Amino acid sequence: MPSRSAASSTRAYHHGDLRNALLDAGLDLTRAGGPDAATVREVARRVGVVPTAVYRHFADRDALVEALALRVQQQVAERMRDNASPDDRAGASTGAGRGHGRARLRAVGLGYIGFALAEPGWFDLAFGGATALPDAVDPAALPAPLAMLVAALDELVADGELPAARRPGAEWPCWSTVHGFALLALRGPLRALSRDAQWAQAQRAVETIIDGLLSPRA
């Protein structure tokens, strides 16, 4: 029996939205199987079209997988926003967030790890084959999770919690910490821990990198 999302994809196609139907089917496949599960043939079969129909919307399989990864990255960003408290979200949206920068950075880090633990297939899809970033990149073109990390770090500078001289490149040790932890928990030695124990160590990892970043001795 087809899954609900696959059935929805077929209905969406019959209403004329083939591109979104293909993406929905791809997300359904990759949630359990990771990026390798999103083949043109299988995505087309789920929607009920011939494989050549996929190429009307995506130049090749790489383009399809890239579009799927962008959708998942948006979901990671939503998890980061959901992790923030109402006060921190309000401060971020109004610019009146002094004192909430650390909490927002924590929400970004734990949101990233939380998504990886909950959705390992999508996590691999979103970041396993991510396109390398050039040295200079338009902030508006950053992947959504990285854009949120950059914004949280910039807010720490605006709040006076992070000296401006230490801001350049600070996103990379932060991202490396949470990404590395996620991999250790999913496929490394931490995978044997209970979910509660993993989460306790995730919180410790995030707090440790924030403490190091904001330490006066750094």
N, C-alpha and C. Protein backbone atom coordinates (compact mmCIF):
# COMPACT_ATOMS: atom_id res chain seq x y z
N MET A 1 0.85 -1.20 0.00
CA MET A 1 0.00 0.00 0.00
C MET A 1 0.88 1.24 0.00
N PRO A 2 0.61 2.26 -0.86
CA PRO A 2 1.45 3.45 -0.88
C PRO A 2 1.29 4.25 0.39
N SER A 3 2.36 4.96 0.78
CA SER A 3 2.29 5.80 1.97
C SER A 3 1.38 6.98 1.73
N ARG A 4 1.00 7.63 2.83
CA ARG A 4 0.11 8.79 2.71
C ARG A 4 0.74 9.89 1.88
N SER A 5 2.07 10.13 2.11
CA SER A 5 2.70 11.21 1.35
C SER A 5 2.81 10.85 -0.12
N ALA A 6 3.05 9.56 -0.42
CA ALA A 6 3.10 9.16 -1.82
C ALA A 6 1.74 9.32 -2.48
N ALA A 7 0.68 8.92 -1.76
CA ALA A 7 -0.66 9.10 -2.30
C ALA A 7 -0.98 10.56 -2.51
N SER A 8 -0.53 11.41 -1.57
CA SER A 8 -0.74 12.85 -1.71
C SER A 8 -0.01 13.38 -2.93
N SER A 9 1.21 12.83 -3.18
CA SER A 9 1.98 13.27 -4.34
C SER A 9 1.22 12.98 -5.62
N THR A 10 0.62 11.78 -5.69
CA THR A 10 -0.14 11.41 -6.89
C THR A 10 -1.33 12.34 -7.07
N ARG A 11 -2.03 12.65 -5.99
CA ARG A 11 -3.17 13.57 -6.09
C ARG A 11 -2.71 14.95 -6.53
N ALA A 12 -1.57 15.40 -5.99
CA ALA A 12 -1.07 16.72 -6.35
C ALA A 12 -0.76 16.78 -7.84
N TYR A 13 -0.20 15.68 -8.36
CA TYR A 13 0.12 15.66 -9.79
C TYR A 13 -1.15 15.79 -10.62
N HIS A 14 -2.17 15.07 -10.26
CA HIS A 14 -3.41 15.11 -11.04
C HIS A 14 -4.07 16.49 -10.97
N HIS A 15 -3.66 17.29 -9.98
CA HIS A 15 -4.14 18.66 -9.94
C HIS A 15 -3.18 19.62 -10.63
N GLY A 16 -2.15 19.07 -11.28
CA GLY A 16 -1.29 19.90 -12.12
C GLY A 16 0.01 20.35 -11.49
N ASP A 17 0.32 19.96 -10.25
CA ASP A 17 1.54 20.42 -9.59
C ASP A 17 2.55 19.28 -9.54
N LEU A 18 3.08 18.92 -10.70
CA LEU A 18 3.96 17.76 -10.77
C LEU A 18 5.25 17.99 -10.00
N ARG A 19 5.82 19.18 -10.09
CA ARG A 19 7.11 19.42 -9.41
C ARG A 19 7.00 19.15 -7.91
N ASN A 20 5.99 19.72 -7.27
CA ASN A 20 5.85 19.51 -5.83
C ASN A 20 5.50 18.06 -5.52
N ALA A 21 4.76 17.41 -6.40
CA ALA A 21 4.45 16.00 -6.19
C ALA A 21 5.72 15.17 -6.22
N LEU A 22 6.63 15.47 -7.13
CA LEU A 22 7.90 14.76 -7.20
C LEU A 22 8.74 15.00 -5.95
N LEU A 23 8.74 16.23 -5.48
CA LEU A 23 9.50 16.54 -4.27
C LEU A 23 8.91 15.84 -3.05
N ASP A 24 7.59 15.81 -2.96
CA ASP A 24 6.95 15.10 -1.85
C ASP A 24 7.31 13.62 -1.86
N ALA A 25 7.30 13.03 -3.05
CA ALA A 25 7.66 11.62 -3.17
C ALA A 25 9.12 11.41 -2.80
N GLY A 26 9.98 12.32 -3.23
CA GLY A 26 11.40 12.22 -2.89
C GLY A 26 11.64 12.33 -1.39
N LEU A 27 10.91 13.22 -0.74
CA LEU A 27 11.04 13.34 0.71
C LEU A 27 10.57 12.07 1.41
N ASP A 28 9.51 11.50 0.91
CA ASP A 28 9.00 10.25 1.48
C ASP A 28 10.05 9.15 1.38
N LEU A 29 10.72 9.07 0.25
CA LEU A 29 11.73 8.04 0.04
C LEU A 29 12.97 8.28 0.90
N THR A 30 13.44 9.51 0.95
CA THR A 30 14.70 9.80 1.63
C THR A 30 14.57 9.85 3.13
N ARG A 31 13.36 10.00 3.63
CA ARG A 31 13.20 10.03 5.09
C ARG A 31 13.70 8.74 5.71
N ALA A 32 13.44 7.63 5.08
CA ALA A 32 13.90 6.34 5.60
C ALA A 32 15.21 5.90 4.96
N GLY A 33 15.38 6.20 3.68
CA GLY A 33 16.51 5.65 2.94
C GLY A 33 17.66 6.58 2.68
N GLY A 34 17.56 7.85 3.09
CA GLY A 34 18.63 8.78 2.82
C GLY A 34 18.69 9.16 1.36
N PRO A 35 19.70 9.94 0.96
CA PRO A 35 19.75 10.48 -0.40
C PRO A 35 19.81 9.41 -1.49
N ASP A 36 20.40 8.26 -1.22
CA ASP A 36 20.51 7.23 -2.25
C ASP A 36 19.15 6.69 -2.67
N ALA A 37 18.14 6.85 -1.83
CA ALA A 37 16.81 6.32 -2.15
C ALA A 37 16.08 7.16 -3.19
N ALA A 38 16.53 8.38 -3.42
CA ALA A 38 15.83 9.29 -4.33
C ALA A 38 16.36 9.09 -5.75
N THR A 39 15.95 8.00 -6.40
CA THR A 39 16.28 7.80 -7.81
C THR A 39 15.16 8.37 -8.66
N VAL A 40 15.51 8.79 -9.86
CA VAL A 40 14.52 9.36 -10.76
C VAL A 40 13.42 8.33 -11.04
N ARG A 41 13.81 7.10 -11.26
CA ARG A 41 12.84 6.06 -11.59
C ARG A 41 11.86 5.83 -10.43
N GLU A 42 12.37 5.76 -9.21
CA GLU A 42 11.49 5.46 -8.08
C GLU A 42 10.60 6.65 -7.73
N VAL A 43 11.14 7.85 -7.82
CA VAL A 43 10.32 9.04 -7.57
C VAL A 43 9.19 9.11 -8.59
N ALA A 44 9.50 8.86 -9.85
CA ALA A 44 8.48 8.88 -10.89
C ALA A 44 7.42 7.80 -10.64
N ARG A 45 7.87 6.62 -10.24
CA ARG A 45 6.92 5.53 -9.98
C ARG A 45 5.98 5.89 -8.84
N ARG A 46 6.51 6.53 -7.81
CA ARG A 46 5.66 6.90 -6.68
C ARG A 46 4.55 7.87 -7.09
N VAL A 47 4.89 8.76 -8.01
CA VAL A 47 3.92 9.77 -8.43
C VAL A 47 2.99 9.24 -9.52
N GLY A 48 3.45 8.20 -10.24
CA GLY A 48 2.63 7.63 -11.29
C GLY A 48 2.87 8.23 -12.64
N VAL A 49 4.14 8.65 -12.89
CA VAL A 49 4.50 9.20 -14.20
C VAL A 49 5.70 8.42 -14.72
N VAL A 50 6.03 8.63 -15.98
CA VAL A 50 7.21 8.00 -16.56
C VAL A 50 8.45 8.79 -16.13
N PRO A 51 9.62 8.16 -16.04
CA PRO A 51 10.82 8.87 -15.59
C PRO A 51 11.15 10.12 -16.41
N THR A 52 10.86 10.10 -17.70
CA THR A 52 11.18 11.28 -18.51
C THR A 52 10.42 12.52 -18.06
N ALA A 53 9.27 12.32 -17.39
CA ALA A 53 8.50 13.47 -16.90
C ALA A 53 9.25 14.24 -15.83
N VAL A 54 10.12 13.53 -15.10
CA VAL A 54 10.89 14.19 -14.03
C VAL A 54 11.81 15.25 -14.61
N TYR A 55 12.34 14.96 -15.81
CA TYR A 55 13.33 15.88 -16.40
C TYR A 55 12.70 17.15 -16.94
N ARG A 56 11.39 17.24 -16.93
CA ARG A 56 10.75 18.51 -17.29
C ARG A 56 10.93 19.54 -16.17
N HIS A 57 11.22 19.06 -14.97
CA HIS A 57 11.34 19.95 -13.82
C HIS A 57 12.73 19.94 -13.19
N PHE A 58 13.50 18.88 -13.43
CA PHE A 58 14.84 18.78 -12.87
C PHE A 58 15.80 18.30 -13.97
N ALA A 59 16.91 18.99 -14.11
CA ALA A 59 17.83 18.68 -15.21
C ALA A 59 18.37 17.26 -15.12
N ASP A 60 18.60 16.80 -13.91
CA ASP A 60 19.12 15.45 -13.70
C ASP A 60 18.85 15.06 -12.25
N ARG A 61 19.33 13.87 -11.87
CA ARG A 61 19.09 13.41 -10.51
C ARG A 61 19.75 14.34 -9.49
N ASP A 62 20.93 14.86 -9.80
CA ASP A 62 21.60 15.76 -8.86
C ASP A 62 20.75 16.99 -8.57
N ALA A 63 20.09 17.51 -9.60
CA ALA A 63 19.22 18.68 -9.40
C ALA A 63 18.02 18.33 -8.53
N LEU A 64 17.48 17.13 -8.70
CA LEU A 64 16.38 16.68 -7.86
C LEU A 64 16.82 16.57 -6.41
N VAL A 65 17.96 15.93 -6.18
CA VAL A 65 18.46 15.76 -4.81
C VAL A 65 18.78 17.11 -4.17
N GLU A 66 19.32 18.04 -4.95
CA GLU A 66 19.62 19.37 -4.42
C GLU A 66 18.34 20.08 -3.98
N ALA A 67 17.29 19.96 -4.78
CA ALA A 67 16.01 20.58 -4.41
C ALA A 67 15.44 19.94 -3.15
N LEU A 68 15.57 18.63 -3.03
CA LEU A 68 15.11 17.94 -1.82
C LEU A 68 15.92 18.41 -0.60
N ALA A 69 17.23 18.54 -0.77
CA ALA A 69 18.09 18.98 0.34
C ALA A 69 17.70 20.38 0.81
N LEU A 70 17.36 21.26 -0.12
CA LEU A 70 16.96 22.62 0.26
C LEU A 70 15.68 22.58 1.10
N ARG A 71 14.76 21.71 0.73
CA ARG A 71 13.52 21.59 1.51
C ARG A 71 13.81 21.12 2.92
N VAL A 72 14.70 20.15 3.05
CA VAL A 72 15.02 19.63 4.38
C VAL A 72 15.76 20.68 5.19
N GLN A 73 16.65 21.43 4.56
CA GLN A 73 17.36 22.48 5.29
C GLN A 73 16.39 23.50 5.87
N GLN A 74 15.31 23.78 5.14
CA GLN A 74 14.29 24.67 5.69
C GLN A 74 13.64 24.06 6.93
N GLN A 75 13.45 22.75 6.92
CA GLN A 75 12.89 22.08 8.10
C GLN A 75 13.84 22.14 9.27
N VAL A 76 15.15 22.02 9.02
CA VAL A 76 16.13 22.15 10.09
C VAL A 76 16.05 23.55 10.70
N ALA A 77 15.94 24.56 9.85
CA ALA A 77 15.83 25.93 10.34
C ALA A 77 14.57 26.11 11.19
N GLU A 78 13.48 25.46 10.78
CA GLU A 78 12.25 25.53 11.58
C GLU A 78 12.46 24.89 12.94
N ARG A 79 13.20 23.78 12.99
CA ARG A 79 13.48 23.14 14.28
C ARG A 79 14.30 24.08 15.16
N MET A 80 15.24 24.79 14.57
CA MET A 80 16.03 25.76 15.33
C MET A 80 15.14 26.86 15.92
N ARG A 81 14.21 27.36 15.10
CA ARG A 81 13.31 28.41 15.58
C ARG A 81 12.40 27.88 16.68
N ASP A 82 11.92 26.65 16.51
CA ASP A 82 11.03 26.07 17.51
C ASP A 82 11.74 25.87 18.84
N ASN A 83 13.06 25.67 18.81
CA ASN A 83 13.81 25.44 20.04
C ASN A 83 13.96 26.71 20.87
N ALA A 84 13.85 27.86 20.23
CA ALA A 84 14.00 29.12 20.94
C ALA A 84 12.76 29.39 21.78
N SER A 85 12.95 30.06 22.91
CA SER A 85 11.82 30.43 23.75
C SER A 85 11.03 31.54 23.07
N PRO A 86 9.76 31.76 23.46
CA PRO A 86 8.98 32.86 22.87
C PRO A 86 9.67 34.20 23.02
N ASP A 87 10.32 34.45 24.16
CA ASP A 87 11.00 35.73 24.36
C ASP A 87 12.17 35.89 23.41
N ASP A 88 12.92 34.78 23.20
CA ASP A 88 14.07 34.85 22.31
C ASP A 88 13.62 35.05 20.87
N ARG A 89 12.52 34.39 20.46
CA ARG A 89 12.02 34.59 19.10
C ARG A 89 11.54 36.02 18.92
N ALA A 90 10.89 36.57 19.93
CA ALA A 90 10.41 37.95 19.83
C ALA A 90 11.58 38.92 19.74
N GLY A 91 12.62 38.67 20.53
CA GLY A 91 13.78 39.54 20.48
C GLY A 91 14.46 39.51 19.14
N ALA A 92 14.55 38.32 18.54
CA ALA A 92 15.20 38.19 17.23
C ALA A 92 14.41 38.91 16.16
N SER A 93 13.08 38.87 16.25
CA SER A 93 12.25 39.46 15.19
C SER A 93 12.17 40.98 15.31
N THR A 94 12.31 41.51 16.54
CA THR A 94 12.18 42.95 16.73
C THR A 94 13.51 43.67 16.80
N GLY A 95 14.60 42.89 16.94
CA GLY A 95 15.90 43.53 17.11
C GLY A 95 16.15 43.96 18.53
N ALA A 96 15.21 43.67 19.44
CA ALA A 96 15.36 44.05 20.85
C ALA A 96 15.75 42.82 21.65
N GLY A 97 16.79 42.14 21.19
CA GLY A 97 17.10 40.85 21.78
C GLY A 97 18.28 40.85 22.71
N ARG A 98 18.69 42.00 23.24
CA ARG A 98 19.86 42.04 24.11
C ARG A 98 19.67 41.09 25.29
N GLY A 99 20.68 40.26 25.53
CA GLY A 99 20.59 39.30 26.62
C GLY A 99 20.06 37.96 26.19
N HIS A 100 19.51 37.87 24.97
CA HIS A 100 18.96 36.60 24.51
C HIS A 100 19.87 35.91 23.49
N GLY A 101 21.01 36.51 23.18
CA GLY A 101 21.87 35.96 22.15
C GLY A 101 22.37 34.56 22.46
N ARG A 102 22.77 34.34 23.69
CA ARG A 102 23.27 33.02 24.07
C ARG A 102 22.17 31.97 23.93
N ALA A 103 20.97 32.32 24.36
CA ALA A 103 19.86 31.37 24.27
C ALA A 103 19.53 31.06 22.82
N ARG A 104 19.60 32.06 21.95
CA ARG A 104 19.32 31.80 20.54
C ARG A 104 20.39 30.93 19.91
N LEU A 105 21.66 31.15 20.29
CA LEU A 105 22.73 30.31 19.76
C LEU A 105 22.56 28.87 20.26
N ARG A 106 22.15 28.72 21.50
CA ARG A 106 21.88 27.38 22.03
C ARG A 106 20.76 26.71 21.26
N ALA A 107 19.71 27.46 20.96
CA ALA A 107 18.58 26.91 20.22
C ALA A 107 19.00 26.46 18.83
N VAL A 108 19.87 27.22 18.20
CA VAL A 108 20.37 26.84 16.88
C VAL A 108 21.14 25.52 16.95
N GLY A 109 22.05 25.42 17.92
CA GLY A 109 22.86 24.22 18.03
C GLY A 109 22.07 22.99 18.39
N LEU A 110 21.20 23.11 19.38
CA LEU A 110 20.41 21.95 19.80
C LEU A 110 19.33 21.62 18.77
N GLY A 111 18.83 22.61 18.05
CA GLY A 111 17.87 22.34 16.98
C GLY A 111 18.50 21.50 15.88
N TYR A 112 19.75 21.79 15.57
CA TYR A 112 20.47 21.04 14.54
C TYR A 112 20.65 19.59 14.97
N ILE A 113 21.14 19.40 16.19
CA ILE A 113 21.36 18.04 16.68
C ILE A 113 20.04 17.30 16.83
N GLY A 114 19.03 17.98 17.36
CA GLY A 114 17.73 17.35 17.55
C GLY A 114 17.15 16.86 16.24
N PHE A 115 17.30 17.65 15.19
CA PHE A 115 16.79 17.22 13.89
C PHE A 115 17.56 15.99 13.40
N ALA A 116 18.87 16.00 13.56
CA ALA A 116 19.68 14.86 13.11
C ALA A 116 19.26 13.57 13.81
N LEU A 117 19.02 13.63 15.11
CA LEU A 117 18.64 12.44 15.86
C LEU A 117 17.24 11.96 15.48
N ALA A 118 16.35 12.90 15.20
CA ALA A 118 14.97 12.53 14.87
C ALA A 118 14.81 12.07 13.43
N GLU A 119 15.61 12.64 12.52
CA GLU A 119 15.44 12.38 11.09
C GLU A 119 16.79 12.10 10.43
N PRO A 120 17.42 10.97 10.74
CA PRO A 120 18.76 10.72 10.19
C PRO A 120 18.80 10.65 8.67
N GLY A 121 17.77 10.11 8.03
CA GLY A 121 17.75 10.03 6.57
C GLY A 121 17.74 11.41 5.95
N TRP A 122 16.88 12.27 6.45
CA TRP A 122 16.82 13.64 5.94
C TRP A 122 18.08 14.42 6.28
N PHE A 123 18.65 14.17 7.46
CA PHE A 123 19.89 14.84 7.84
C PHE A 123 21.00 14.53 6.84
N ASP A 124 21.14 13.25 6.48
CA ASP A 124 22.14 12.89 5.48
C ASP A 124 21.85 13.56 4.14
N LEU A 125 20.59 13.64 3.78
CA LEU A 125 20.21 14.29 2.54
C LEU A 125 20.59 15.76 2.55
N ALA A 126 20.32 16.44 3.67
CA ALA A 126 20.52 17.89 3.74
C ALA A 126 21.98 18.29 3.78
N PHE A 127 22.82 17.48 4.41
CA PHE A 127 24.19 17.92 4.66
C PHE A 127 25.27 16.95 4.19
N GLY A 128 24.89 15.71 3.84
CA GLY A 128 25.89 14.73 3.45
C GLY A 128 26.62 15.10 2.17
N GLY A 129 25.91 15.69 1.23
CA GLY A 129 26.53 16.06 -0.04
C GLY A 129 26.36 17.54 -0.35
N ALA A 130 26.39 18.36 0.69
CA ALA A 130 26.15 19.79 0.51
C ALA A 130 27.20 20.42 -0.40
N THR A 131 26.75 21.37 -1.21
CA THR A 131 27.65 22.08 -2.11
C THR A 131 28.64 22.92 -1.33
N ALA A 132 29.91 22.87 -1.71
CA ALA A 132 30.93 23.65 -1.02
C ALA A 132 30.66 25.14 -1.22
N LEU A 133 30.90 25.90 -0.15
CA LEU A 133 30.69 27.33 -0.21
C LEU A 133 31.97 28.03 -0.65
N PRO A 134 31.87 29.05 -1.50
CA PRO A 134 33.05 29.82 -1.88
C PRO A 134 33.52 30.69 -0.72
N ASP A 135 34.70 31.27 -0.85
CA ASP A 135 35.23 32.13 0.22
C ASP A 135 34.30 33.31 0.49
N ALA A 136 33.76 33.89 -0.57
CA ALA A 136 32.84 35.02 -0.44
C ALA A 136 31.48 34.59 -0.95
N VAL A 137 30.48 34.69 -0.11
CA VAL A 137 29.14 34.26 -0.50
C VAL A 137 28.13 35.27 0.02
N ASP A 138 27.12 35.53 -0.78
CA ASP A 138 26.04 36.43 -0.38
C ASP A 138 25.31 35.80 0.81
N PRO A 139 25.20 36.51 1.94
CA PRO A 139 24.51 35.95 3.10
C PRO A 139 23.11 35.46 2.78
N ALA A 140 22.45 36.11 1.83
CA ALA A 140 21.10 35.70 1.46
C ALA A 140 21.07 34.34 0.78
N ALA A 141 22.23 33.90 0.28
CA ALA A 141 22.30 32.63 -0.43
C ALA A 141 22.78 31.48 0.45
N LEU A 142 23.00 31.74 1.73
CA LEU A 142 23.47 30.70 2.63
C LEU A 142 22.38 29.65 2.85
N PRO A 143 22.75 28.39 3.08
CA PRO A 143 21.74 27.41 3.52
C PRO A 143 21.03 27.92 4.76
N ALA A 144 19.73 27.64 4.86
CA ALA A 144 18.92 28.23 5.94
C ALA A 144 19.49 27.98 7.33
N PRO A 145 19.96 26.76 7.67
CA PRO A 145 20.51 26.57 9.02
C PRO A 145 21.76 27.40 9.26
N LEU A 146 22.64 27.51 8.25
CA LEU A 146 23.84 28.32 8.42
C LEU A 146 23.48 29.78 8.55
N ALA A 147 22.50 30.23 7.80
CA ALA A 147 22.06 31.63 7.92
C ALA A 147 21.58 31.94 9.33
N MET A 148 20.90 30.98 9.96
CA MET A 148 20.42 31.20 11.32
C MET A 148 21.59 31.24 12.30
N LEU A 149 22.59 30.39 12.08
CA LEU A 149 23.78 30.41 12.93
C LEU A 149 24.51 31.74 12.79
N VAL A 150 24.69 32.19 11.55
CA VAL A 150 25.36 33.47 11.30
C VAL A 150 24.61 34.61 11.99
N ALA A 151 23.28 34.60 11.89
CA ALA A 151 22.48 35.66 12.51
C ALA A 151 22.61 35.63 14.03
N ALA A 152 22.64 34.42 14.61
CA ALA A 152 22.78 34.32 16.07
C ALA A 152 24.13 34.85 16.53
N LEU A 153 25.18 34.55 15.78
CA LEU A 153 26.51 35.05 16.15
C LEU A 153 26.59 36.57 15.97
N ASP A 154 26.01 37.08 14.90
CA ASP A 154 26.00 38.53 14.69
C ASP A 154 25.25 39.23 15.82
N GLU A 155 24.18 38.60 16.31
CA GLU A 155 23.42 39.19 17.40
C GLU A 155 24.25 39.24 18.68
N LEU A 156 25.09 38.23 18.90
CA LEU A 156 25.97 38.24 20.07
C LEU A 156 26.94 39.42 20.00
N VAL A 157 27.40 39.74 18.81
CA VAL A 157 28.27 40.92 18.65
C VAL A 157 27.49 42.19 18.95
N ALA A 158 26.27 42.27 18.39
CA ALA A 158 25.44 43.45 18.62
C ALA A 158 25.11 43.61 20.10
N ASP A 159 24.95 42.49 20.81
CA ASP A 159 24.65 42.54 22.24
C ASP A 159 25.85 42.88 23.09
N GLY A 160 27.04 42.85 22.50
CA GLY A 160 28.26 43.09 23.26
C GLY A 160 28.78 41.87 23.98
N GLU A 161 28.20 40.70 23.70
CA GLU A 161 28.66 39.48 24.36
C GLU A 161 29.84 38.84 23.64
N LEU A 162 29.97 39.08 22.34
CA LEU A 162 31.07 38.54 21.55
C LEU A 162 31.82 39.70 20.92
N PRO A 163 33.13 39.87 21.23
CA PRO A 163 33.90 40.95 20.61
C PRO A 163 33.91 40.82 19.10
N ALA A 164 33.77 41.94 18.42
CA ALA A 164 33.71 41.94 16.96
C ALA A 164 34.96 41.30 16.35
N ALA A 165 36.11 41.46 17.01
CA ALA A 165 37.35 40.90 16.47
C ALA A 165 37.35 39.38 16.46
N ARG A 166 36.50 38.76 17.30
CA ARG A 166 36.45 37.30 17.35
C ARG A 166 35.30 36.74 16.50
N ARG A 167 34.54 37.60 15.87
CA ARG A 167 33.39 37.13 15.10
C ARG A 167 33.75 36.45 13.79
N PRO A 168 34.72 36.94 12.98
CA PRO A 168 34.97 36.32 11.68
C PRO A 168 35.29 34.82 11.79
N GLY A 169 34.53 34.02 11.06
CA GLY A 169 34.77 32.58 11.03
C GLY A 169 34.25 31.81 12.22
N ALA A 170 33.57 32.47 13.16
CA ALA A 170 33.11 31.77 14.37
C ALA A 170 32.06 30.72 14.07
N GLU A 171 31.39 30.82 12.92
CA GLU A 171 30.37 29.83 12.59
C GLU A 171 30.96 28.44 12.36
N TRP A 172 32.24 28.38 11.94
CA TRP A 172 32.78 27.06 11.58
C TRP A 172 33.08 26.18 12.78
N PRO A 173 33.70 26.65 13.87
CA PRO A 173 33.81 25.77 15.03
C PRO A 173 32.46 25.42 15.64
N CYS A 174 31.51 26.36 15.58
CA CYS A 174 30.17 26.07 16.11
C CYS A 174 29.50 24.96 15.29
N TRP A 175 29.52 25.11 13.97
CA TRP A 175 28.87 24.12 13.11
C TRP A 175 29.59 22.77 13.20
N SER A 176 30.93 22.83 13.24
CA SER A 176 31.71 21.59 13.33
C SER A 176 31.35 20.81 14.59
N THR A 177 31.13 21.52 15.68
CA THR A 177 30.81 20.85 16.94
C THR A 177 29.49 20.11 16.85
N VAL A 178 28.44 20.78 16.39
CA VAL A 178 27.13 20.13 16.38
C VAL A 178 27.05 19.07 15.29
N HIS A 179 27.70 19.31 14.15
CA HIS A 179 27.67 18.31 13.08
C HIS A 179 28.46 17.07 13.50
N GLY A 180 29.62 17.29 14.09
CA GLY A 180 30.41 16.17 14.55
C GLY A 180 29.71 15.37 15.62
N PHE A 181 29.04 16.07 16.53
CA PHE A 181 28.30 15.36 17.57
C PHE A 181 27.19 14.52 16.95
N ALA A 182 26.48 15.10 16.00
CA ALA A 182 25.39 14.36 15.35
C ALA A 182 25.91 13.07 14.71
N LEU A 183 27.04 13.14 14.04
CA LEU A 183 27.60 11.95 13.41
C LEU A 183 28.03 10.92 14.45
N LEU A 184 28.61 11.36 15.54
CA LEU A 184 29.00 10.43 16.61
C LEU A 184 27.78 9.73 17.20
N ALA A 185 26.68 10.49 17.31
CA ALA A 185 25.47 9.91 17.90
C ALA A 185 24.73 9.00 16.93
N LEU A 186 24.82 9.30 15.65
CA LEU A 186 24.11 8.50 14.65
C LEU A 186 24.89 7.27 14.22
N ARG A 187 26.21 7.44 14.03
CA ARG A 187 26.99 6.34 13.45
C ARG A 187 28.28 6.02 14.20
N GLY A 188 28.58 6.77 15.25
CA GLY A 188 29.81 6.58 16.00
C GLY A 188 29.58 5.95 17.36
N PRO A 189 30.53 6.09 18.26
CA PRO A 189 30.44 5.43 19.56
C PRO A 189 29.28 5.89 20.44
N LEU A 190 28.75 7.07 20.19
CA LEU A 190 27.63 7.54 21.02
C LEU A 190 26.30 6.93 20.61
N ARG A 191 26.27 6.16 19.53
CA ARG A 191 25.00 5.58 19.09
C ARG A 191 24.48 4.53 20.07
N ALA A 192 25.35 4.00 20.94
CA ALA A 192 24.93 2.99 21.91
C ALA A 192 24.23 3.60 23.12
N LEU A 193 24.33 4.92 23.29
CA LEU A 193 23.70 5.58 24.43
C LEU A 193 22.19 5.65 24.23
N SER A 194 21.47 5.74 25.34
CA SER A 194 20.04 5.99 25.24
C SER A 194 19.82 7.39 24.68
N ARG A 195 18.62 7.65 24.18
CA ARG A 195 18.33 8.97 23.63
C ARG A 195 18.48 10.05 24.69
N ASP A 196 18.06 9.76 25.93
CA ASP A 196 18.21 10.76 27.00
C ASP A 196 19.68 11.05 27.26
N ALA A 197 20.51 10.02 27.26
CA ALA A 197 21.94 10.21 27.49
C ALA A 197 22.57 10.98 26.33
N GLN A 198 22.16 10.66 25.11
CA GLN A 198 22.66 11.42 23.95
C GLN A 198 22.31 12.89 24.08
N TRP A 199 21.08 13.15 24.48
CA TRP A 199 20.63 14.54 24.56
C TRP A 199 21.37 15.30 25.65
N ALA A 200 21.65 14.62 26.77
CA ALA A 200 22.41 15.27 27.84
C ALA A 200 23.82 15.63 27.34
N GLN A 201 24.44 14.75 26.59
CA GLN A 201 25.76 15.04 26.06
C GLN A 201 25.70 16.11 24.96
N ALA A 202 24.60 16.13 24.20
CA ALA A 202 24.43 17.17 23.19
C ALA A 202 24.37 18.55 23.86
N GLN A 203 23.60 18.64 24.94
CA GLN A 203 23.51 19.91 25.66
C GLN A 203 24.88 20.34 26.18
N ARG A 204 25.63 19.37 26.68
CA ARG A 204 26.98 19.68 27.20
C ARG A 204 27.88 20.17 26.08
N ALA A 205 27.83 19.51 24.93
CA ALA A 205 28.67 19.92 23.80
C ALA A 205 28.35 21.34 23.36
N VAL A 206 27.06 21.66 23.26
CA VAL A 206 26.66 23.00 22.82
C VAL A 206 27.07 24.05 23.85
N GLU A 207 26.86 23.77 25.12
CA GLU A 207 27.24 24.74 26.15
C GLU A 207 28.76 24.93 26.18
N THR A 208 29.51 23.85 25.94
CA THR A 208 30.96 23.96 25.96
C THR A 208 31.47 24.84 24.84
N ILE A 209 30.93 24.70 23.63
CA ILE A 209 31.40 25.53 22.53
C ILE A 209 30.98 26.99 22.73
N ILE A 210 29.79 27.20 23.30
CA ILE A 210 29.37 28.58 23.56
C ILE A 210 30.25 29.20 24.64
N ASP A 211 30.54 28.45 25.70
CA ASP A 211 31.42 28.97 26.76
C ASP A 211 32.79 29.33 26.21
N GLY A 212 33.32 28.47 25.36
CA GLY A 212 34.63 28.75 24.77
C GLY A 212 34.60 29.98 23.87
N LEU A 213 33.52 30.12 23.12
CA LEU A 213 33.39 31.25 22.20
C LEU A 213 33.31 32.58 22.95
N LEU A 214 32.58 32.57 24.06
CA LEU A 214 32.31 33.81 24.78
C LEU A 214 33.26 34.04 25.94
N SER A 215 34.17 33.12 26.18
CA SER A 215 35.10 33.28 27.31
C SER A 215 35.98 34.50 27.11
N PRO A 216 36.18 35.31 28.16
CA PRO A 216 37.08 36.48 28.04
C PRO A 216 38.50 36.07 27.70
N ARG A 217 38.88 34.82 27.98
CA ARG A 217 40.25 34.37 27.72
C ARG A 217 40.42 33.86 26.30
N ALA A 218 39.31 33.76 25.53
CA ALA A 218 39.42 33.20 24.18
C ALA A 218 40.25 34.10 23.27
